Every structure is written in C-alpha cells, then in structure tokens.
Amino acid sequence: MERFCQGDAQAFDALFQRYARPVQGYLARLTGSPATAEDLAQLTFLSLVRARGRYQAGARVRPWLYAIATNAARDHARRHRRPEDLTPEGELPLTAVADTPEPRDAGLERAVQRALAQLPEGQRLPILMHRFEGMGFAEIAEALGLTESAVKVRAHRGYARLRELLAPLQEETSR
C-alpha cells in the first residue's frame, strides 16, 4: 500500500489481486447479491484509489479495505432498498462466490442466511468478518472503528442469538 501511495501502479495491481476476491465474497454475504457485491467491490477499490492520500504508513491494509467495503455496502443499502433483492418466496437469495464450493445443504445455507439477516448490523458484521473472512478480532475492531473488547462482545452476542435462531433446525436434524 505504501508503494501504491508513492505512485507505483504495479503495487495497486498486487493489492487488487490479493484482496478483490475476498472483499467480493464478503460483500456477497453482506448484501445477499453476487451482482451487487461485484459492483461494490469495484467501488471499494475505486474508493481505495481516491483515499490513498489518507492512508497512514504502517497501518494494516486489510482492516482499512474492509472498512471501505462495509461503508460502500451501507451506502448502497441506504440508497437501494428494493424488494426484488428477495426471492419470489420473500427469502434472501442463496449466495455462492465463484471460488467457494457449492453449499452441501442449500436449505441449511438459506436458514443461516435468514438467521444472519435477523441480527442487528452491529452483531452481523463481526460474525461475517470473523467466521467467513477469517479476520481476527483486532482486525475487525480496526475495520469497524471499535475496540477489540466491543467487537468480541458483539460477536459473542451475535453467535448466541444465531444459536437461538438455528436451534429449531438443530432439533429437527437430531430426530
């Protein structure tokens, strides 16, 4: 990132190669739409280019980039609340990023997506970043502008709520 800030165009290519797919996957899980995620990923990298002057040398790139992506998704959600983002049955669409294997159980995937959608954003974002993006709590805190303790509390509460929401499914499968 520091090389890119100094004008090295190849450094941007390296950043894009390293982070484009993970950011797009995160955005697909966050928005429920692979097409929207693709657009938002492009917007995220455009914002990275525009904001490179605000990058602080030595800061970690990944949390900064995920903060930009999260803000792009929030802005998009505020501007585009459309019912056509849902399936005809009124459910969130199944999301699968091209570089991830197909879900083993489509019904389970839909149930998890519905449960995640019921969580407040403050709990959903840490879970998406931790569980699906493999980010540590310190990175998530940096990306969301929170303390690490606050992120841990939000994730803990979110995971607890997910267990509650998914409990009927677990009971059904244990019969």
Protein backbone atom coordinates (compact mmCIF):
# COMPACT_ATOMS: atom_id res chain seq x y z
CA MET A 1 0.00 0.00 0.00
CA GLU A 2 2.84 2.36 0.79
CA ARG A 3 4.35 1.73 -2.66
CA PHE A 4 0.97 2.45 -4.26
CA CYS A 5 0.67 5.69 -2.31
CA GLN A 6 4.06 6.68 -3.72
CA GLY A 7 2.77 6.19 -7.28
CA ASP A 8 3.68 2.54 -8.05
CA ALA A 9 0.82 1.31 -10.27
CA GLN A 10 2.02 -2.29 -10.05
CA ALA A 11 1.53 -2.14 -6.30
CA PHE A 12 -2.17 -1.44 -6.89
CA ASP A 13 -2.37 -4.47 -9.18
CA ALA A 14 -0.86 -6.59 -6.39
CA LEU A 15 -3.38 -5.23 -3.87
CA PHE A 16 -6.24 -5.92 -6.25
CA GLN A 17 -5.04 -9.47 -6.96
CA ARG A 18 -4.70 -10.22 -3.27
CA TYR A 19 -7.92 -8.69 -1.94
CA ALA A 20 -10.50 -8.50 -4.76
CA ARG A 21 -11.99 -11.99 -4.34
CA PRO A 22 -12.12 -11.95 -0.52
CA VAL A 23 -13.70 -8.48 -0.50
CA GLN A 24 -16.23 -9.51 -3.13
CA GLY A 25 -17.08 -12.67 -1.16
CA TYR A 26 -17.57 -10.63 1.99
CA LEU A 27 -19.81 -8.18 0.15
CA ALA A 28 -21.84 -11.04 -1.38
CA ARG A 29 -22.53 -12.44 2.08
CA LEU A 30 -23.28 -8.98 3.41
CA THR A 31 -25.66 -7.91 0.63
CA GLY A 32 -27.07 -11.29 -0.41
CA SER A 33 -26.41 -10.46 -4.06
CA PRO A 34 -23.33 -11.56 -6.05
CA ALA A 35 -24.07 -8.94 -8.73
CA THR A 36 -24.30 -6.14 -6.17
CA ALA A 37 -21.16 -7.45 -4.47
CA GLU A 38 -19.24 -7.25 -7.75
CA ASP A 39 -20.29 -3.62 -8.22
CA LEU A 40 -19.48 -2.75 -4.61
CA ALA A 41 -16.07 -4.44 -4.82
CA GLN A 42 -15.22 -2.26 -7.80
CA LEU A 43 -16.46 0.78 -5.90
CA THR A 44 -14.36 -0.28 -2.90
CA PHE A 45 -11.17 -0.33 -4.96
CA LEU A 46 -12.08 2.96 -6.62
CA SER A 47 -12.52 4.43 -3.14
CA LEU A 48 -9.16 2.96 -2.14
CA VAL A 49 -7.54 4.81 -5.04
CA ARG A 50 -9.28 8.06 -4.11
CA ALA A 51 -8.48 7.71 -0.40
CA ARG A 52 -4.84 6.66 -0.75
CA GLY A 53 -3.75 10.09 0.47
CA ARG A 54 -5.43 9.37 3.81
CA TYR A 55 -3.69 6.01 4.27
CA GLN A 56 -1.34 6.10 7.24
CA ALA A 57 2.01 4.44 6.55
CA GLY A 58 2.40 1.28 8.57
CA ALA A 59 -1.33 0.75 9.07
CA ARG A 60 -2.73 -2.66 8.16
CA VAL A 61 -4.38 -2.65 4.74
CA ARG A 62 -6.93 -5.42 5.22
CA PRO A 63 -8.98 -3.77 8.01
CA TRP A 64 -8.84 -0.44 6.21
CA LEU A 65 -10.07 -2.06 2.97
CA TYR A 66 -12.88 -3.93 4.77
CA ALA A 67 -13.97 -0.67 6.41
CA ILE A 68 -14.23 0.89 2.95
CA ALA A 69 -16.19 -2.15 1.69
CA THR A 70 -18.54 -2.09 4.69
CA ASN A 71 -19.22 1.61 4.18
CA ALA A 72 -19.88 1.04 0.47
CA ALA A 73 -22.42 -1.67 1.36
CA ARG A 74 -24.09 0.58 3.96
CA ASP A 75 -24.34 3.44 1.46
CA HIS A 76 -25.76 1.10 -1.16
CA ALA A 77 -28.34 -0.28 1.28
CA ARG A 78 -29.48 3.24 2.18
CA ARG A 79 -29.91 4.17 -1.48
CA HIS A 80 -31.32 0.91 -2.83
CA ARG A 81 -33.90 -0.74 -0.64
CA ARG A 82 -35.53 -2.92 -3.29
CA PRO A 83 -37.86 -5.86 -2.70
CA GLU A 84 -36.57 -7.55 -5.89
CA ASP A 85 -33.40 -8.44 -3.98
CA LEU A 86 -35.52 -11.17 -2.38
CA THR A 87 -36.64 -14.41 -4.00
CA PRO A 88 -40.29 -14.74 -5.08
CA GLU A 89 -40.90 -16.53 -1.76
CA GLY A 90 -39.64 -13.45 0.09
CA GLU A 91 -36.40 -15.06 1.19
CA LEU A 92 -32.81 -13.94 0.85
CA PRO A 93 -31.22 -15.47 -2.26
CA LEU A 94 -28.62 -18.17 -1.89
CA THR A 95 -25.18 -16.66 -2.31
CA ALA A 96 -22.19 -18.53 -3.56
CA VAL A 97 -18.95 -16.88 -4.60
CA ALA A 98 -17.29 -18.43 -7.64
CA ASP A 99 -14.18 -19.54 -5.78
CA THR A 100 -16.07 -21.27 -2.97
CA PRO A 101 -17.56 -24.74 -3.25
CA GLU A 102 -21.30 -25.13 -3.52
CA PRO A 103 -23.02 -25.46 -0.15
CA ARG A 104 -23.54 -29.07 0.91
CA ASP A 105 -27.06 -28.30 2.06
CA ALA A 106 -28.89 -25.49 0.28
CA GLY A 107 -31.64 -25.49 2.92
CA LEU A 108 -29.10 -25.05 5.69
CA GLU A 109 -27.42 -22.25 3.75
CA ARG A 110 -30.77 -20.44 3.39
CA ALA A 111 -31.54 -20.94 7.09
CA VAL A 112 -28.17 -19.49 8.09
CA GLN A 113 -28.63 -16.54 5.71
CA ARG A 114 -32.11 -15.85 7.14
CA ALA A 115 -30.75 -16.07 10.70
CA LEU A 116 -27.85 -13.74 9.87
CA ALA A 117 -30.27 -11.27 8.28
CA GLN A 118 -32.22 -11.12 11.57
CA LEU A 119 -29.17 -9.99 13.54
CA PRO A 120 -28.57 -6.29 14.05
CA GLU A 121 -25.75 -4.97 11.87
CA GLY A 122 -23.54 -4.48 14.93
CA GLN A 123 -23.59 -8.25 15.53
CA ARG A 124 -23.81 -9.41 11.90
CA LEU A 125 -20.69 -7.58 10.64
CA PRO A 126 -18.29 -9.01 13.25
CA ILE A 127 -19.64 -12.53 12.59
CA LEU A 128 -19.28 -12.17 8.82
CA MET A 129 -15.75 -10.83 9.15
CA HIS A 130 -14.72 -13.39 11.78
CA ARG A 131 -16.39 -16.57 10.59
CA PHE A 132 -16.47 -16.09 6.83
CA GLU A 133 -13.48 -13.81 6.22
CA GLY A 134 -11.18 -15.30 8.86
CA MET A 135 -10.33 -11.93 10.35
CA GLY A 136 -9.12 -11.65 13.92
CA PHE A 137 -10.96 -9.51 16.44
CA ALA A 138 -8.21 -6.86 16.38
CA GLU A 139 -8.56 -6.51 12.60
CA ILE A 140 -12.35 -6.35 12.86
CA ALA A 141 -12.09 -3.68 15.54
CA GLU A 142 -9.82 -1.66 13.30
CA ALA A 143 -12.15 -2.07 10.30
CA LEU A 144 -15.26 -1.06 12.25
CA GLY A 145 -13.65 1.66 14.38
CA LEU A 146 -14.43 -0.14 17.64
CA THR A 147 -12.40 -1.53 20.50
CA GLU A 148 -11.43 -5.18 20.35
CA SER A 149 -13.48 -5.80 23.50
CA ALA A 150 -16.57 -4.28 21.91
CA VAL A 151 -16.14 -6.48 18.84
CA LYS A 152 -15.77 -9.60 20.99
CA VAL A 153 -18.93 -8.73 22.95
CA ARG A 154 -20.91 -8.08 19.76
CA ALA A 155 -19.68 -11.28 18.14
CA HIS A 156 -20.42 -13.29 21.30
CA ARG A 157 -23.97 -11.91 21.47
CA GLY A 158 -24.44 -12.47 17.75
CA TYR A 159 -23.24 -16.07 17.92
CA ALA A 160 -25.54 -16.67 20.92
CA ARG A 161 -28.50 -15.22 19.01
CA LEU A 162 -27.64 -17.34 15.95
CA ARG A 163 -27.68 -20.45 18.14
CA GLU A 164 -31.17 -19.46 19.35
CA LEU A 165 -32.40 -18.79 15.84
CA LEU A 166 -30.96 -22.03 14.48
CA ALA A 167 -31.98 -24.21 17.48
CA PRO A 168 -35.21 -25.46 15.81
CA LEU A 169 -33.15 -26.61 12.85
CA GLN A 170 -30.75 -28.48 15.14
CA GLU A 171 -33.66 -30.14 16.95
CA GLU A 172 -35.18 -31.16 13.62
CA THR A 173 -31.96 -32.80 12.43
CA SER A 174 -31.37 -34.66 15.70
CA ARG A 175 -34.70 -36.50 15.49
